[in-house]
Amino acid sequence: MTFVLRMPETRGPKSRRKSLAVKAFDLGVMALVAFAVGLMVMYTVQYELKVEPKAPAREGAQLIKARSMARVRWASVKPRLIARLAQPHSLELGQVWARRDGRVCGLVNGWGSFGGLTGMTRFYAQGDEPVFKQDGGGQAFEEEWWACKRDRYVVIREGSDEPGFCATKLGQQRCYTVVYGR
């Protein structure tokens, strides 16, 4: 028993047209893939430039000017922060800094609505008004906060830059530091 498998002609004008159509299709697919890879590279580079930390103010006249600008901004934001939180005691602040554009950002330990401490909470100033995540900003707050973390142009007050209870004075007494690998 012999089986014969019939194959189409590989020569002639019809096969050449199919060959050109297949080549054109392959070329189109390769062009689309190259375009997609180019877009991915472009968006990755733009993202990396966007999230790269910016250099703080250097020494000399630039630092003096930045510090004076930051003190003026903080002098207008701090009373509003105190009024906004309406706490029975002085504020416990974490690190507070100013960005290049003058926006003040930082962390503050506030009291919750039931009188308990909430731990270090992130804020930034919109004009002179402090804005917290609880204000309903959601994604907009997160984007502004990451812009704050990227641009610590001049530090107004040294302190913890970690949110939560363990960054507070009371938390430092009660929390443990765990080091892995030792």
C-alpha atoms as a PDB file:
ATOM      1  CA  MET A   1       0.000   0.000   0.000  1.00  0.00           C
ATOM      2  CA  THR A   2       1.420   3.309  -1.098  1.00  0.00           C
ATOM      3  CA  PHE A   3       0.175   6.706   0.022  1.00  0.00           C
ATOM      4  CA  VAL A   4       0.688   9.666  -2.198  1.00  0.00           C
ATOM      5  CA  LEU A   5       0.601  13.110  -0.690  1.00  0.00           C
ATOM      6  CA  ARG A   6      -0.092  15.773  -3.265  1.00  0.00           C
ATOM      7  CA  MET A   7       1.724  19.064  -2.698  1.00  0.00           C
ATOM      8  CA  PRO A   8       0.868  22.329  -4.436  1.00  0.00           C
ATOM      9  CA  GLU A   9       3.128  23.718  -7.089  1.00  0.00           C
ATOM     10  CA  THR A  10       5.918  25.824  -5.622  1.00  0.00           C
ATOM     11  CA  ARG A  11       6.733  27.557  -8.834  1.00  0.00           C
ATOM     12  CA  GLY A  12       4.774  29.857 -11.018  1.00  0.00           C
ATOM     13  CA  PRO A  13       3.157  33.308 -10.775  1.00  0.00           C
ATOM     14  CA  LYS A  14       0.506  32.350  -8.175  1.00  0.00           C
ATOM     15  CA  SER A  15       3.017  31.051  -5.660  1.00  0.00           C
ATOM     16  CA  ARG A  16       5.118  34.198  -6.072  1.00  0.00           C
ATOM     17  CA  ARG A  17       2.124  36.384  -5.182  1.00  0.00           C
ATOM     18  CA  LYS A  18       1.440  34.345  -2.078  1.00  0.00           C
ATOM     19  CA  SER A  19       5.063  34.542  -1.170  1.00  0.00           C
ATOM     20  CA  LEU A  20       4.991  38.345  -1.495  1.00  0.00           C
ATOM     21  CA  ALA A  21       1.798  38.525   0.581  1.00  0.00           C
ATOM     22  CA  VAL A  22       3.323  36.363   3.300  1.00  0.00           C
ATOM     23  CA  LYS A  23       6.484  38.477   3.275  1.00  0.00           C
ATOM     24  CA  ALA A  24       4.462  41.689   3.502  1.00  0.00           C
ATOM     25  CA  PHE A  25       2.466  40.280   6.426  1.00  0.00           C
ATOM     26  CA  ASP A  26       5.647  39.171   8.217  1.00  0.00           C
ATOM     27  CA  LEU A  27       7.195  42.587   7.671  1.00  0.00           C
ATOM     28  CA  GLY A  28       4.068  44.274   9.062  1.00  0.00           C
ATOM     29  CA  VAL A  29       4.089  42.083  12.167  1.00  0.00           C
ATOM     30  CA  MET A  30       7.779  42.778  12.750  1.00  0.00           C
ATOM     31  CA  ALA A  31       7.168  46.524  12.383  1.00  0.00           C
ATOM     32  CA  LEU A  32       4.348  46.391  14.948  1.00  0.00           C
ATOM     33  CA  VAL A  33       6.522  44.444  17.383  1.00  0.00           C
ATOM     34  CA  ALA A  34       9.392  46.932  16.948  1.00  0.00           C
ATOM     35  CA  PHE A  35       6.957  49.831  17.486  1.00  0.00           C
ATOM     36  CA  ALA A  36       5.586  48.222  20.679  1.00  0.00           C
ATOM     37  CA  VAL A  37       9.092  47.624  22.046  1.00  0.00           C
ATOM     38  CA  GLY A  38      10.000  51.240  21.261  1.00  0.00           C
ATOM     39  CA  LEU A  39       6.922  52.488  23.135  1.00  0.00           C
ATOM     40  CA  MET A  40       7.763  50.330  26.145  1.00  0.00           C
ATOM     41  CA  VAL A  41      11.320  51.659  26.236  1.00  0.00           C
ATOM     42  CA  MET A  42      10.100  55.255  25.873  1.00  0.00           C
ATOM     43  CA  TYR A  43       7.541  54.925  28.701  1.00  0.00           C
ATOM     44  CA  THR A  44      10.079  53.179  30.945  1.00  0.00           C
ATOM     45  CA  VAL A  45      12.617  55.973  30.447  1.00  0.00           C
ATOM     46  CA  GLN A  46       9.967  58.641  31.104  1.00  0.00           C
ATOM     47  CA  TYR A  47       8.858  56.831  34.275  1.00  0.00           C
ATOM     48  CA  GLU A  48      12.422  56.499  35.550  1.00  0.00           C
ATOM     49  CA  LEU A  49      13.047  60.208  34.971  1.00  0.00           C
ATOM     50  CA  LYS A  50       9.802  61.016  36.754  1.00  0.00           C
ATOM     51  CA  VAL A  51      10.527  58.966  39.890  1.00  0.00           C
ATOM     52  CA  GLU A  52      14.249  59.646  40.169  1.00  0.00           C
ATOM     53  CA  PRO A  53      15.034  61.520  43.411  1.00  0.00           C
ATOM     54  CA  LYS A  54      16.108  65.125  42.895  1.00  0.00           C
ATOM     55  CA  ALA A  55      19.209  66.559  44.523  1.00  0.00           C
ATOM     56  CA  PRO A  56      18.720  68.621  47.698  1.00  0.00           C
ATOM     57  CA  ALA A  57      19.867  72.242  47.963  1.00  0.00           C
ATOM     58  CA  ARG A  58      23.652  72.460  47.940  1.00  0.00           C
ATOM     59  CA  GLU A  59      25.842  74.531  50.220  1.00  0.00           C
ATOM     60  CA  GLY A  60      26.323  78.263  49.934  1.00  0.00           C
ATOM     61  CA  ALA A  61      23.894  80.873  48.657  1.00  0.00           C
ATOM     62  CA  GLN A  62      21.532  78.276  47.187  1.00  0.00           C
ATOM     63  CA  LEU A  63      21.104  76.571  50.576  1.00  0.00           C
ATOM     64  CA  ILE A  64      20.642  79.864  52.459  1.00  0.00           C
ATOM     65  CA  LYS A  65      17.978  81.023  49.999  1.00  0.00           C
ATOM     66  CA  ALA A  66      16.207  77.625  50.119  1.00  0.00           C
ATOM     67  CA  ARG A  67      16.217  77.555  53.942  1.00  0.00           C
ATOM     68  CA  SER A  68      14.782  81.049  54.223  1.00  0.00           C
ATOM     69  CA  MET A  69      12.073  80.222  51.667  1.00  0.00           C
ATOM     70  CA  ALA A  70      11.256  77.009  53.551  1.00  0.00           C
ATOM     71  CA  ARG A  71      11.036  78.801  56.926  1.00  0.00           C
ATOM     72  CA  VAL A  72       8.603  81.339  55.490  1.00  0.00           C
ATOM     73  CA  ARG A  73       6.423  78.598  53.990  1.00  0.00           C
ATOM     74  CA  TRP A  74       6.523  76.544  57.212  1.00  0.00           C
ATOM     75  CA  ALA A  75       5.607  79.626  59.282  1.00  0.00           C
ATOM     76  CA  SER A  76       2.375  79.914  57.295  1.00  0.00           C
ATOM     77  CA  VAL A  77       1.586  76.160  57.197  1.00  0.00           C
ATOM     78  CA  LYS A  78       2.325  75.200  60.844  1.00  0.00           C
ATOM     79  CA  PRO A  79      -0.440  77.319  62.484  1.00  0.00           C
ATOM     80  CA  ARG A  80      -3.006  75.871  60.070  1.00  0.00           C
ATOM     81  CA  LEU A  81      -1.758  72.363  60.809  1.00  0.00           C
ATOM     82  CA  ILE A  82      -2.160  73.022  64.553  1.00  0.00           C
ATOM     83  CA  ALA A  83      -5.645  74.450  64.022  1.00  0.00           C
ATOM     84  CA  ARG A  84      -6.631  71.587  61.730  1.00  0.00           C
ATOM     85  CA  LEU A  85      -5.611  68.858  64.189  1.00  0.00           C
ATOM     86  CA  ALA A  86      -6.910  70.762  67.277  1.00  0.00           C
ATOM     87  CA  GLN A  87      -4.849  68.673  69.690  1.00  0.00           C
ATOM     88  CA  PRO A  88      -4.703  69.307  73.461  1.00  0.00           C
ATOM     89  CA  HIS A  89      -0.893  69.168  73.400  1.00  0.00           C
ATOM     90  CA  SER A  90       1.906  70.352  71.125  1.00  0.00           C
ATOM     91  CA  LEU A  91       2.395  68.604  67.814  1.00  0.00           C
ATOM     92  CA  GLU A  92       4.789  65.696  67.520  1.00  0.00           C
ATOM     93  CA  LEU A  93       6.399  66.101  64.126  1.00  0.00           C
ATOM     94  CA  GLY A  94       8.402  63.702  62.061  1.00  0.00           C
ATOM     95  CA  GLN A  95      10.569  64.966  59.231  1.00  0.00           C
ATOM     96  CA  VAL A  96       9.289  68.112  57.513  1.00  0.00           C
ATOM     97  CA  TRP A  97      10.771  69.463  54.286  1.00  0.00           C
ATOM     98  CA  ALA A  98      10.084  71.826  51.403  1.00  0.00           C
ATOM     99  CA  ARG A  99      10.142  70.999  47.717  1.00  0.00           C
ATOM    100  CA  ARG A 100      11.692  73.167  45.003  1.00  0.00           C
ATOM    101  CA  ASP A 101       8.302  74.725  44.274  1.00  0.00           C
ATOM    102  CA  GLY A 102       7.876  75.717  47.960  1.00  0.00           C
ATOM    103  CA  ARG A 103       5.339  73.044  48.883  1.00  0.00           C
ATOM    104  CA  VAL A 104       5.785  71.845  52.475  1.00  0.00           C
ATOM    105  CA  CYS A 105       5.576  68.094  53.102  1.00  0.00           C
ATOM    106  CA  GLY A 106       6.044  66.000  56.204  1.00  0.00           C
ATOM    107  CA  LEU A 107       4.697  63.703  58.891  1.00  0.00           C
ATOM    108  CA  VAL A 108       2.761  64.534  62.046  1.00  0.00           C
ATOM    109  CA  ASN A 109       1.481  62.394  64.920  1.00  0.00           C
ATOM    110  CA  GLY A 110      -2.174  63.278  65.327  1.00  0.00           C
ATOM    111  CA  TRP A 111      -5.060  62.285  67.539  1.00  0.00           C
ATOM    112  CA  GLY A 112      -7.846  60.236  66.032  1.00  0.00           C
ATOM    113  CA  SER A 113     -11.518  61.111  66.330  1.00  0.00           C
ATOM    114  CA  PHE A 114     -11.817  58.922  69.466  1.00  0.00           C
ATOM    115  CA  GLY A 115      -8.859  60.581  71.200  1.00  0.00           C
ATOM    116  CA  GLY A 116      -6.269  57.910  70.465  1.00  0.00           C
ATOM    117  CA  LEU A 117      -2.943  58.531  68.783  1.00  0.00           C
ATOM    118  CA  THR A 118      -2.941  57.625  65.097  1.00  0.00           C
ATOM    119  CA  GLY A 119       0.815  57.479  64.578  1.00  0.00           C
ATOM    120  CA  MET A 120       2.851  59.447  62.080  1.00  0.00           C
ATOM    121  CA  THR A 121       0.568  60.562  59.279  1.00  0.00           C
ATOM    122  CA  ARG A 122       1.735  61.983  55.958  1.00  0.00           C
ATOM    123  CA  PHE A 123       0.661  65.462  54.848  1.00  0.00           C
ATOM    124  CA  TYR A 124       1.531  68.097  52.289  1.00  0.00           C
ATOM    125  CA  ALA A 125       0.448  71.707  51.993  1.00  0.00           C
ATOM    126  CA  GLN A 126      -1.859  72.900  49.235  1.00  0.00           C
ATOM    127  CA  GLY A 127      -1.123  76.598  49.450  1.00  0.00           C
ATOM    128  CA  ASP A 128      -1.087  77.039  53.237  1.00  0.00           C
ATOM    129  CA  GLU A 129      -3.655  74.327  54.001  1.00  0.00           C
ATOM    130  CA  PRO A 130      -2.448  70.881  55.111  1.00  0.00           C
ATOM    131  CA  VAL A 131      -3.858  67.977  53.098  1.00  0.00           C
ATOM    132  CA  PHE A 132      -4.123  64.440  54.501  1.00  0.00           C
ATOM    133  CA  LYS A 133      -4.971  61.196  52.734  1.00  0.00           C
ATOM    134  CA  GLN A 134      -8.129  60.983  54.861  1.00  0.00           C
ATOM    135  CA  ASP A 135      -9.398  64.124  53.097  1.00  0.00           C
ATOM    136  CA  GLY A 136     -10.531  61.881  50.243  1.00  0.00           C
ATOM    137  CA  GLY A 137      -7.736  62.605  47.769  1.00  0.00           C
ATOM    138  CA  GLY A 138      -6.962  58.912  47.165  1.00  0.00           C
ATOM    139  CA  GLN A 139      -4.818  58.575  44.051  1.00  0.00           C
ATOM    140  CA  ALA A 140      -4.221  62.333  43.782  1.00  0.00           C
ATOM    141  CA  PHE A 141      -2.832  62.360  47.336  1.00  0.00           C
ATOM    142  CA  GLU A 142      -0.516  59.431  46.568  1.00  0.00           C
ATOM    143  CA  GLU A 143       0.850  61.113  43.441  1.00  0.00           C
ATOM    144  CA  GLU A 144       1.533  64.349  45.320  1.00  0.00           C
ATOM    145  CA  TRP A 145       3.095  62.449  48.201  1.00  0.00           C
ATOM    146  CA  TRP A 146       5.490  60.613  45.874  1.00  0.00           C
ATOM    147  CA  ALA A 147       6.406  63.968  44.324  1.00  0.00           C
ATOM    148  CA  CYS A 148       7.149  65.144  47.878  1.00  0.00           C
ATOM    149  CA  LYS A 149       9.316  62.105  48.644  1.00  0.00           C
ATOM    150  CA  ARG A 150      11.271  62.596  45.413  1.00  0.00           C
ATOM    151  CA  ASP A 151      12.001  66.285  45.971  1.00  0.00           C
ATOM    152  CA  ARG A 152      13.365  66.921  49.479  1.00  0.00           C
ATOM    153  CA  TYR A 153      14.932  70.208  48.492  1.00  0.00           C
ATOM    154  CA  VAL A 154      15.527  71.529  51.993  1.00  0.00           C
ATOM    155  CA  VAL A 155      14.792  69.853  55.336  1.00  0.00           C
ATOM    156  CA  ILE A 156      12.891  72.111  57.735  1.00  0.00           C
ATOM    157  CA  ARG A 157      12.826  69.689  60.653  1.00  0.00           C
ATOM    158  CA  GLU A 158      14.727  66.438  61.122  1.00  0.00           C
ATOM    159  CA  GLY A 159      12.771  63.391  62.228  1.00  0.00           C
ATOM    160  CA  SER A 160      11.359  60.091  61.100  1.00  0.00           C
ATOM    161  CA  ASP A 161      10.080  59.822  57.551  1.00  0.00           C
ATOM    162  CA  GLU A 162       8.219  56.559  58.238  1.00  0.00           C
ATOM    163  CA  PRO A 163       4.452  56.607  58.803  1.00  0.00           C
ATOM    164  CA  GLY A 164       2.792  54.647  61.604  1.00  0.00           C
ATOM    165  CA  PHE A 165       3.007  54.146  65.343  1.00  0.00           C
ATOM    166  CA  CYS A 166       6.621  52.953  65.605  1.00  0.00           C
ATOM    167  CA  ALA A 167       7.935  56.275  64.271  1.00  0.00           C
ATOM    168  CA  THR A 168       6.410  58.203  67.220  1.00  0.00           C
ATOM    169  CA  LYS A 169       8.171  58.858  70.564  1.00  0.00           C
ATOM    170  CA  LEU A 170       5.950  56.347  72.355  1.00  0.00           C
ATOM    171  CA  GLY A 171       6.376  53.853  69.533  1.00  0.00           C
ATOM    172  CA  GLN A 172      10.162  54.064  69.735  1.00  0.00           C
ATOM    173  CA  GLN A 173       9.904  52.925  73.365  1.00  0.00           C
ATOM    174  CA  ARG A 174       7.580  50.014  72.572  1.00  0.00           C
ATOM    175  CA  CYS A 175       8.580  48.838  69.101  1.00  0.00           C
ATOM    176  CA  TYR A 176      11.466  46.519  68.400  1.00  0.00           C
ATOM    177  CA  THR A 177      13.916  46.754  65.552  1.00  0.00           C
ATOM    178  CA  VAL A 178      14.315  43.430  63.823  1.00  0.00           C
ATOM    179  CA  VAL A 179      17.430  42.866  61.764  1.00  0.00           C
ATOM    180  CA  TYR A 180      17.444  39.907  59.405  1.00  0.00           C
ATOM    181  CA  GLY A 181      20.563  37.951  58.587  1.00  0.00           C
ATOM    182  CA  ARG A 182      22.551  38.453  61.773  1.00  0.00           C
END
